[in-house]
């Protein structure tokens, strides 16, 4: 019987060293099953589709910017996407650890790598996808991506979108912008809903009204900003 999922490949994001550092070193830690922390050498875990339909998705798992939930928000979805003919890649990105640009550098590099393999994996469109704070990273890449680091579409699952206290996920906010004052330029700069523009690609957003971890206002405000920018 033919399988719909090829053997996965691991591709280092920065084989010659990343342009930025999060100051972490040593071995990766798996503090709980499928929860990886202390990532210093980020990578892509790629599942190429055996019958490609031209699309690829870069998945950014959640984890509050302290770890990566690489199971249910990462690897576990590979077989389903492959069955649709979609090449699926899980981004094992670095935590900011006081360097907020680090995970954002990693997602842009992940998109570039997928485009570099477009001929081999028959990719014509690359989308970015994320869950929880991974949705924030995916959305940031969709808004600020340029050239080969700009996704064609975005899929956000119960995403963290804003950095405004009372609406955001507080742990993620602290790990990304630390003690930024409410209403400060730093806070506004990292509110995705305030940065949407006419070039932001189309989005599919899934949320739950009873989410007690990431308030639904994150998705609703992002949806509203997308509408305002056509």
C-alpha atoms as a PDB file:
ATOM      1  CA  UNK A   1       0.000   0.000   0.000  1.00  0.00           C
ATOM      2  CA  UNK A   2       1.303   3.425  -0.926  1.00  0.00           C
ATOM      3  CA  UNK A   3       1.833   5.786   1.995  1.00  0.00           C
ATOM      4  CA  UNK A   4       0.702   9.407   1.737  1.00  0.00           C
ATOM      5  CA  UNK A   5       3.542  10.637   3.930  1.00  0.00           C
ATOM      6  CA  UNK A   6       7.158  10.481   2.894  1.00  0.00           C
ATOM      7  CA  UNK A   7      10.016  10.075   5.318  1.00  0.00           C
ATOM      8  CA  UNK A   8      10.624  13.379   7.050  1.00  0.00           C
ATOM      9  CA  UNK A   9      13.764  15.440   6.552  1.00  0.00           C
ATOM     10  CA  UNK A  10      15.517  17.652   9.070  1.00  0.00           C
ATOM     11  CA  UNK A  11      17.025  20.842   7.646  1.00  0.00           C
ATOM     12  CA  UNK A  12      19.034  23.219   9.799  1.00  0.00           C
ATOM     13  CA  UNK A  13      17.918  26.835   9.494  1.00  0.00           C
ATOM     14  CA  UNK A  14      21.354  28.320   9.975  1.00  0.00           C
ATOM     15  CA  UNK A  15      24.042  25.703   9.175  1.00  0.00           C
ATOM     16  CA  UNK A  16      26.705  28.411   9.138  1.00  0.00           C
ATOM     17  CA  UNK A  17      25.432  30.149  12.262  1.00  0.00           C
ATOM     18  CA  UNK A  18      22.443  32.399  12.861  1.00  0.00           C
ATOM     19  CA  UNK A  19      22.727  36.169  12.373  1.00  0.00           C
ATOM     20  CA  UNK A  20      21.283  36.659  15.857  1.00  0.00           C
ATOM     21  CA  UNK A  21      21.726  34.794  19.126  1.00  0.00           C
ATOM     22  CA  UNK A  22      19.367  34.119  22.006  1.00  0.00           C
ATOM     23  CA  UNK A  23      22.255  33.457  24.373  1.00  0.00           C
ATOM     24  CA  UNK A  24      21.269  29.837  24.969  1.00  0.00           C
ATOM     25  CA  UNK A  25      23.652  26.916  24.595  1.00  0.00           C
ATOM     26  CA  UNK A  26      23.902  23.258  25.475  1.00  0.00           C
ATOM     27  CA  UNK A  27      21.584  20.374  24.703  1.00  0.00           C
ATOM     28  CA  UNK A  28      17.885  20.719  23.988  1.00  0.00           C
ATOM     29  CA  UNK A  29      15.581  19.751  26.818  1.00  0.00           C
ATOM     30  CA  UNK A  30      12.330  17.803  26.658  1.00  0.00           C
ATOM     31  CA  UNK A  31      10.768  18.897  29.932  1.00  0.00           C
ATOM     32  CA  UNK A  32       7.546  17.055  29.143  1.00  0.00           C
ATOM     33  CA  UNK A  33       6.550  14.741  26.281  1.00  0.00           C
ATOM     34  CA  UNK A  34       6.756  16.728  23.021  1.00  0.00           C
ATOM     35  CA  UNK A  35       7.683  19.966  24.836  1.00  0.00           C
ATOM     36  CA  UNK A  36      11.143  21.098  23.709  1.00  0.00           C
ATOM     37  CA  UNK A  37      13.092  23.953  25.276  1.00  0.00           C
ATOM     38  CA  UNK A  38      16.641  25.355  25.273  1.00  0.00           C
ATOM     39  CA  UNK A  39      16.731  25.383  21.470  1.00  0.00           C
ATOM     40  CA  UNK A  40      19.935  26.942  20.171  1.00  0.00           C
ATOM     41  CA  UNK A  41      20.184  25.266  16.746  1.00  0.00           C
ATOM     42  CA  UNK A  42      16.781  25.714  15.058  1.00  0.00           C
ATOM     43  CA  UNK A  43      15.594  23.465  12.250  1.00  0.00           C
ATOM     44  CA  UNK A  44      12.775  22.454   9.933  1.00  0.00           C
ATOM     45  CA  UNK A  45      11.173  19.040  10.206  1.00  0.00           C
ATOM     46  CA  UNK A  46       9.814  18.572   6.679  1.00  0.00           C
ATOM     47  CA  UNK A  47       7.257  16.021   5.484  1.00  0.00           C
ATOM     48  CA  UNK A  48       7.194  16.234   1.647  1.00  0.00           C
ATOM     49  CA  UNK A  49       3.926  15.207  -0.004  1.00  0.00           C
ATOM     50  CA  UNK A  50       4.122  12.143  -2.251  1.00  0.00           C
ATOM     51  CA  UNK A  51       1.447  13.582  -4.572  1.00  0.00           C
ATOM     52  CA  UNK A  52       2.074  17.322  -4.283  1.00  0.00           C
ATOM     53  CA  UNK A  53      -0.658  19.796  -5.184  1.00  0.00           C
ATOM     54  CA  UNK A  54       1.747  22.744  -5.257  1.00  0.00           C
ATOM     55  CA  UNK A  55       1.215  23.983  -1.709  1.00  0.00           C
ATOM     56  CA  UNK A  56       3.507  23.895   1.306  1.00  0.00           C
ATOM     57  CA  UNK A  57       2.830  24.988   4.875  1.00  0.00           C
ATOM     58  CA  UNK A  58       5.325  26.103   7.505  1.00  0.00           C
ATOM     59  CA  UNK A  59       3.868  25.316  10.952  1.00  0.00           C
ATOM     60  CA  UNK A  60       4.884  27.306  14.050  1.00  0.00           C
ATOM     61  CA  UNK A  61       3.871  25.409  17.215  1.00  0.00           C
ATOM     62  CA  UNK A  62       2.890  27.218  20.391  1.00  0.00           C
ATOM     63  CA  UNK A  63       4.469  27.027  23.815  1.00  0.00           C
ATOM     64  CA  UNK A  64       4.363  30.513  25.317  1.00  0.00           C
ATOM     65  CA  UNK A  65       7.858  31.374  24.007  1.00  0.00           C
ATOM     66  CA  UNK A  66       9.375  29.177  26.683  1.00  0.00           C
ATOM     67  CA  UNK A  67       9.135  25.872  24.813  1.00  0.00           C
ATOM     68  CA  UNK A  68       7.716  24.330  21.626  1.00  0.00           C
ATOM     69  CA  UNK A  69       4.705  22.009  21.738  1.00  0.00           C
ATOM     70  CA  UNK A  70       5.987  19.991  18.825  1.00  0.00           C
ATOM     71  CA  UNK A  71       3.465  17.137  19.086  1.00  0.00           C
ATOM     72  CA  UNK A  72      -0.212  18.198  18.844  1.00  0.00           C
ATOM     73  CA  UNK A  73       0.743  21.601  17.404  1.00  0.00           C
ATOM     74  CA  UNK A  74       3.384  20.219  15.086  1.00  0.00           C
ATOM     75  CA  UNK A  75       4.201  16.680  13.976  1.00  0.00           C
ATOM     76  CA  UNK A  76       0.770  15.199  14.665  1.00  0.00           C
ATOM     77  CA  UNK A  77      -0.791  17.102  11.749  1.00  0.00           C
ATOM     78  CA  UNK A  78       1.749  16.011   9.128  1.00  0.00           C
ATOM     79  CA  UNK A  79      -0.123  12.940   7.853  1.00  0.00           C
ATOM     80  CA  UNK A  80      -3.369  14.887   7.341  1.00  0.00           C
ATOM     81  CA  UNK A  81      -1.702  17.646   5.326  1.00  0.00           C
ATOM     82  CA  UNK A  82       0.278  15.140   3.280  1.00  0.00           C
ATOM     83  CA  UNK A  83      -2.958  13.331   2.462  1.00  0.00           C
ATOM     84  CA  UNK A  84      -4.212  16.580   0.890  1.00  0.00           C
ATOM     85  CA  UNK A  85      -1.066  16.784  -1.244  1.00  0.00           C
ATOM     86  CA  UNK A  86       0.502  19.504   0.917  1.00  0.00           C
ATOM     87  CA  UNK A  87       4.150  19.469   1.906  1.00  0.00           C
ATOM     88  CA  UNK A  88       4.226  20.178   5.631  1.00  0.00           C
ATOM     89  CA  UNK A  89       7.127  21.536   7.667  1.00  0.00           C
ATOM     90  CA  UNK A  90       7.338  22.079  11.434  1.00  0.00           C
ATOM     91  CA  UNK A  91       9.497  24.993  12.534  1.00  0.00           C
ATOM     92  CA  UNK A  92      11.592  24.266  15.608  1.00  0.00           C
ATOM     93  CA  UNK A  93      12.377  27.897  16.397  1.00  0.00           C
ATOM     94  CA  UNK A  94      14.480  29.465  19.116  1.00  0.00           C
ATOM     95  CA  UNK A  95      13.034  31.186  22.184  1.00  0.00           C
ATOM     96  CA  UNK A  96      13.716  34.932  22.496  1.00  0.00           C
ATOM     97  CA  UNK A  97      15.366  34.771  25.941  1.00  0.00           C
ATOM     98  CA  UNK A  98      15.523  38.569  25.930  1.00  0.00           C
ATOM     99  CA  UNK A  99      16.218  38.801  22.174  1.00  0.00           C
ATOM    100  CA  UNK A 100      12.772  39.332  20.663  1.00  0.00           C
ATOM    101  CA  UNK A 101      13.968  39.278  17.038  1.00  0.00           C
ATOM    102  CA  UNK A 102      15.248  35.682  17.264  1.00  0.00           C
ATOM    103  CA  UNK A 103      12.052  33.622  16.663  1.00  0.00           C
ATOM    104  CA  UNK A 104      10.986  36.116  13.996  1.00  0.00           C
ATOM    105  CA  UNK A 105      14.298  35.669  12.179  1.00  0.00           C
ATOM    106  CA  UNK A 106      13.767  31.905  12.309  1.00  0.00           C
ATOM    107  CA  UNK A 107      10.289  31.918  10.754  1.00  0.00           C
ATOM    108  CA  UNK A 108      11.441  34.087   7.857  1.00  0.00           C
ATOM    109  CA  UNK A 109      14.385  31.769   7.257  1.00  0.00           C
ATOM    110  CA  UNK A 110      12.048  28.769   7.318  1.00  0.00           C
ATOM    111  CA  UNK A 111       9.962  30.319   4.542  1.00  0.00           C
ATOM    112  CA  UNK A 112      13.082  30.991   2.471  1.00  0.00           C
ATOM    113  CA  UNK A 113      14.194  27.380   2.824  1.00  0.00           C
ATOM    114  CA  UNK A 114      10.853  26.017   1.620  1.00  0.00           C
ATOM    115  CA  UNK A 115      11.012  28.275  -1.414  1.00  0.00           C
ATOM    116  CA  UNK A 116      14.570  27.088  -2.086  1.00  0.00           C
ATOM    117  CA  UNK A 117      13.183  23.543  -2.374  1.00  0.00           C
ATOM    118  CA  UNK A 118      10.265  24.560  -4.590  1.00  0.00           C
ATOM    119  CA  UNK A 119      11.546  22.621  -7.611  1.00  0.00           C
ATOM    120  CA  UNK A 120      12.354  19.426  -5.705  1.00  0.00           C
ATOM    121  CA  UNK A 121       9.039  19.355  -3.820  1.00  0.00           C
ATOM    122  CA  UNK A 122       6.967  20.950  -6.625  1.00  0.00           C
ATOM    123  CA  UNK A 123       5.888  23.923  -4.529  1.00  0.00           C
ATOM    124  CA  UNK A 124       4.171  26.913  -6.111  1.00  0.00           C
ATOM    125  CA  UNK A 125       2.638  28.498  -2.987  1.00  0.00           C
ATOM    126  CA  UNK A 126       3.996  28.626   0.563  1.00  0.00           C
ATOM    127  CA  UNK A 127       1.775  29.408   3.521  1.00  0.00           C
ATOM    128  CA  UNK A 128       2.608  30.038   7.151  1.00  0.00           C
ATOM    129  CA  UNK A 129       0.571  28.506   9.964  1.00  0.00           C
ATOM    130  CA  UNK A 130       0.725  28.812  13.735  1.00  0.00           C
ATOM    131  CA  UNK A 131      -1.070  27.912  16.950  1.00  0.00           C
ATOM    132  CA  UNK A 132      -1.266  30.114  20.048  1.00  0.00           C
ATOM    133  CA  UNK A 133       1.979  32.152  20.238  1.00  0.00           C
ATOM    134  CA  UNK A 134       3.010  30.263  17.102  1.00  0.00           C
ATOM    135  CA  UNK A 135       0.089  32.073  15.495  1.00  0.00           C
ATOM    136  CA  UNK A 136       1.672  35.353  16.524  1.00  0.00           C
ATOM    137  CA  UNK A 137       4.970  34.339  14.901  1.00  0.00           C
ATOM    138  CA  UNK A 138       3.135  33.224  11.745  1.00  0.00           C
ATOM    139  CA  UNK A 139       1.123  36.439  11.607  1.00  0.00           C
ATOM    140  CA  UNK A 140       4.231  38.551  12.094  1.00  0.00           C
ATOM    141  CA  UNK A 141       5.872  36.762   9.165  1.00  0.00           C
ATOM    142  CA  UNK A 142       2.769  37.387   7.041  1.00  0.00           C
ATOM    143  CA  UNK A 143       2.771  41.111   7.841  1.00  0.00           C
ATOM    144  CA  UNK A 144       6.491  41.839   7.689  1.00  0.00           C
ATOM    145  CA  UNK A 145       7.772  39.206   5.249  1.00  0.00           C
ATOM    146  CA  UNK A 146       9.514  40.451   2.129  1.00  0.00           C
ATOM    147  CA  UNK A 147      10.558  38.774  -1.126  1.00  0.00           C
ATOM    148  CA  UNK A 148      11.120  35.031  -0.595  1.00  0.00           C
ATOM    149  CA  UNK A 149      10.252  35.347   3.114  1.00  0.00           C
ATOM    150  CA  UNK A 150       6.684  36.562   2.420  1.00  0.00           C
ATOM    151  CA  UNK A 151       4.065  33.788   2.659  1.00  0.00           C
ATOM    152  CA  UNK A 152       1.248  33.488   0.140  1.00  0.00           C
ATOM    153  CA  UNK A 153      -1.361  32.852   2.842  1.00  0.00           C
ATOM    154  CA  UNK A 154      -1.644  32.447   6.616  1.00  0.00           C
ATOM    155  CA  UNK A 155      -3.507  29.966   8.824  1.00  0.00           C
ATOM    156  CA  UNK A 156      -3.884  30.986  12.472  1.00  0.00           C
ATOM    157  CA  UNK A 157      -5.209  28.631  15.158  1.00  0.00           C
ATOM    158  CA  UNK A 158      -6.363  30.360  18.372  1.00  0.00           C
ATOM    159  CA  UNK A 159      -3.514  32.832  17.818  1.00  0.00           C
ATOM    160  CA  UNK A 160      -1.944  35.313  20.165  1.00  0.00           C
ATOM    161  CA  UNK A 161      -2.151  38.525  18.120  1.00  0.00           C
ATOM    162  CA  UNK A 162      -1.858  41.507  20.422  1.00  0.00           C
ATOM    163  CA  UNK A 163       0.533  42.534  23.186  1.00  0.00           C
ATOM    164  CA  UNK A 164      -2.084  44.626  25.006  1.00  0.00           C
ATOM    165  CA  UNK A 165      -2.439  43.495  28.611  1.00  0.00           C
ATOM    166  CA  UNK A 166      -5.776  41.974  29.473  1.00  0.00           C
ATOM    167  CA  UNK A 167      -6.190  40.625  25.934  1.00  0.00           C
ATOM    168  CA  UNK A 168      -2.832  39.035  25.191  1.00  0.00           C
ATOM    169  CA  UNK A 169      -1.384  35.854  26.684  1.00  0.00           C
ATOM    170  CA  UNK A 170       0.618  37.341  29.558  1.00  0.00           C
ATOM    171  CA  UNK A 171       3.385  34.725  29.603  1.00  0.00           C
ATOM    172  CA  UNK A 172       4.032  35.169  25.888  1.00  0.00           C
ATOM    173  CA  UNK A 173       4.014  38.964  26.275  1.00  0.00           C
ATOM    174  CA  UNK A 174       6.571  38.811  29.065  1.00  0.00           C
ATOM    175  CA  UNK A 175       8.824  36.517  27.051  1.00  0.00           C
ATOM    176  CA  UNK A 176       8.619  38.696  23.936  1.00  0.00           C
ATOM    177  CA  UNK A 177       8.610  42.325  25.076  1.00  0.00           C
ATOM    178  CA  UNK A 178       9.312  41.876  28.785  1.00  0.00           C
ATOM    179  CA  UNK A 179       8.221  44.888  30.840  1.00  0.00           C
ATOM    180  CA  UNK A 180       7.120  47.196  28.037  1.00  0.00           C
ATOM    181  CA  UNK A 181       4.810  49.878  29.375  1.00  0.00           C
ATOM    182  CA  UNK A 182       1.145  49.785  28.391  1.00  0.00           C
ATOM    183  CA  UNK A 183       0.607  51.969  25.342  1.00  0.00           C
ATOM    184  CA  UNK A 184       4.334  52.291  24.701  1.00  0.00           C
ATOM    185  CA  UNK A 185       5.852  52.370  21.227  1.00  0.00           C
ATOM    186  CA  UNK A 186       7.369  48.940  21.864  1.00  0.00           C
ATOM    187  CA  UNK A 187       3.982  47.457  22.749  1.00  0.00           C
ATOM    188  CA  UNK A 188       2.287  48.951  19.679  1.00  0.00           C
ATOM    189  CA  UNK A 189       5.123  47.786  17.396  1.00  0.00           C
ATOM    190  CA  UNK A 190       4.535  44.184  18.455  1.00  0.00           C
ATOM    191  CA  UNK A 191       0.728  44.230  18.196  1.00  0.00           C
ATOM    192  CA  UNK A 192       0.088  42.396  14.934  1.00  0.00           C
ATOM    193  CA  UNK A 193      -3.414  43.817  14.579  1.00  0.00           C
ATOM    194  CA  UNK A 194      -1.948  47.335  14.480  1.00  0.00           C
ATOM    195  CA  UNK A 195       0.544  46.454  11.736  1.00  0.00           C
ATOM    196  CA  UNK A 196      -1.764  44.855   9.137  1.00  0.00           C
ATOM    197  CA  UNK A 197      -1.524  46.551   5.747  1.00  0.00           C
ATOM    198  CA  UNK A 198      -2.872  46.173   2.222  1.00  0.00           C
ATOM    199  CA  UNK A 199      -0.058  43.729   1.338  1.00  0.00           C
ATOM    200  CA  UNK A 200      -0.853  41.306   4.189  1.00  0.00           C
ATOM    201  CA  UNK A 201      -1.863  37.935   2.664  1.00  0.00           C
ATOM    202  CA  UNK A 202      -5.252  36.326   3.151  1.00  0.00           C
ATOM    203  CA  UNK A 203      -5.900  34.536   6.435  1.00  0.00           C
ATOM    204  CA  UNK A 204      -7.870  31.554   7.704  1.00  0.00           C
ATOM    205  CA  UNK A 205      -8.486  31.920  11.452  1.00  0.00           C
ATOM    206  CA  UNK A 206      -9.874  29.288  13.851  1.00  0.00           C
ATOM    207  CA  UNK A 207     -10.760  30.088  17.458  1.00  0.00           C
ATOM    208  CA  UNK A 208     -13.007  29.049  20.303  1.00  0.00           C
ATOM    209  CA  UNK A 209     -15.260  31.427  22.227  1.00  0.00           C
ATOM    210  CA  UNK A 210     -14.556  29.631  25.521  1.00  0.00           C
ATOM    211  CA  UNK A 211     -10.740  29.822  25.228  1.00  0.00           C
ATOM    212  CA  UNK A 212      -9.459  30.732  28.695  1.00  0.00           C
ATOM    213  CA  UNK A 213      -5.790  30.928  27.667  1.00  0.00           C
ATOM    214  CA  UNK A 214      -5.826  33.101  24.524  1.00  0.00           C
ATOM    215  CA  UNK A 215      -8.880  35.410  24.585  1.00  0.00           C
ATOM    216  CA  UNK A 216     -10.984  35.365  21.383  1.00  0.00           C
ATOM    217  CA  UNK A 217     -10.471  39.147  21.090  1.00  0.00           C
ATOM    218  CA  UNK A 218      -7.040  38.377  19.623  1.00  0.00           C
ATOM    219  CA  UNK A 219      -8.559  36.703  16.553  1.00  0.00           C
ATOM    220  CA  UNK A 220     -11.508  39.101  16.322  1.00  0.00           C
ATOM    221  CA  UNK A 221      -9.279  42.187  16.340  1.00  0.00           C
ATOM    222  CA  UNK A 222      -7.003  40.663  13.711  1.00  0.00           C
ATOM    223  CA  UNK A 223      -9.988  39.780  11.526  1.00  0.00           C
ATOM    224  CA  UNK A 224     -11.247  43.363  11.850  1.00  0.00           C
ATOM    225  CA  UNK A 225      -7.839  44.767  10.871  1.00  0.00           C
ATOM    226  CA  UNK A 226      -7.739  42.490   7.818  1.00  0.00           C
ATOM    227  CA  UNK A 227     -11.169  43.706   6.710  1.00  0.00           C
ATOM    228  CA  UNK A 228     -10.141  47.338   7.145  1.00  0.00           C
ATOM    229  CA  UNK A 229      -7.196  46.702   4.839  1.00  0.00           C
ATOM    230  CA  UNK A 230      -9.217  44.806   2.237  1.00  0.00           C
END
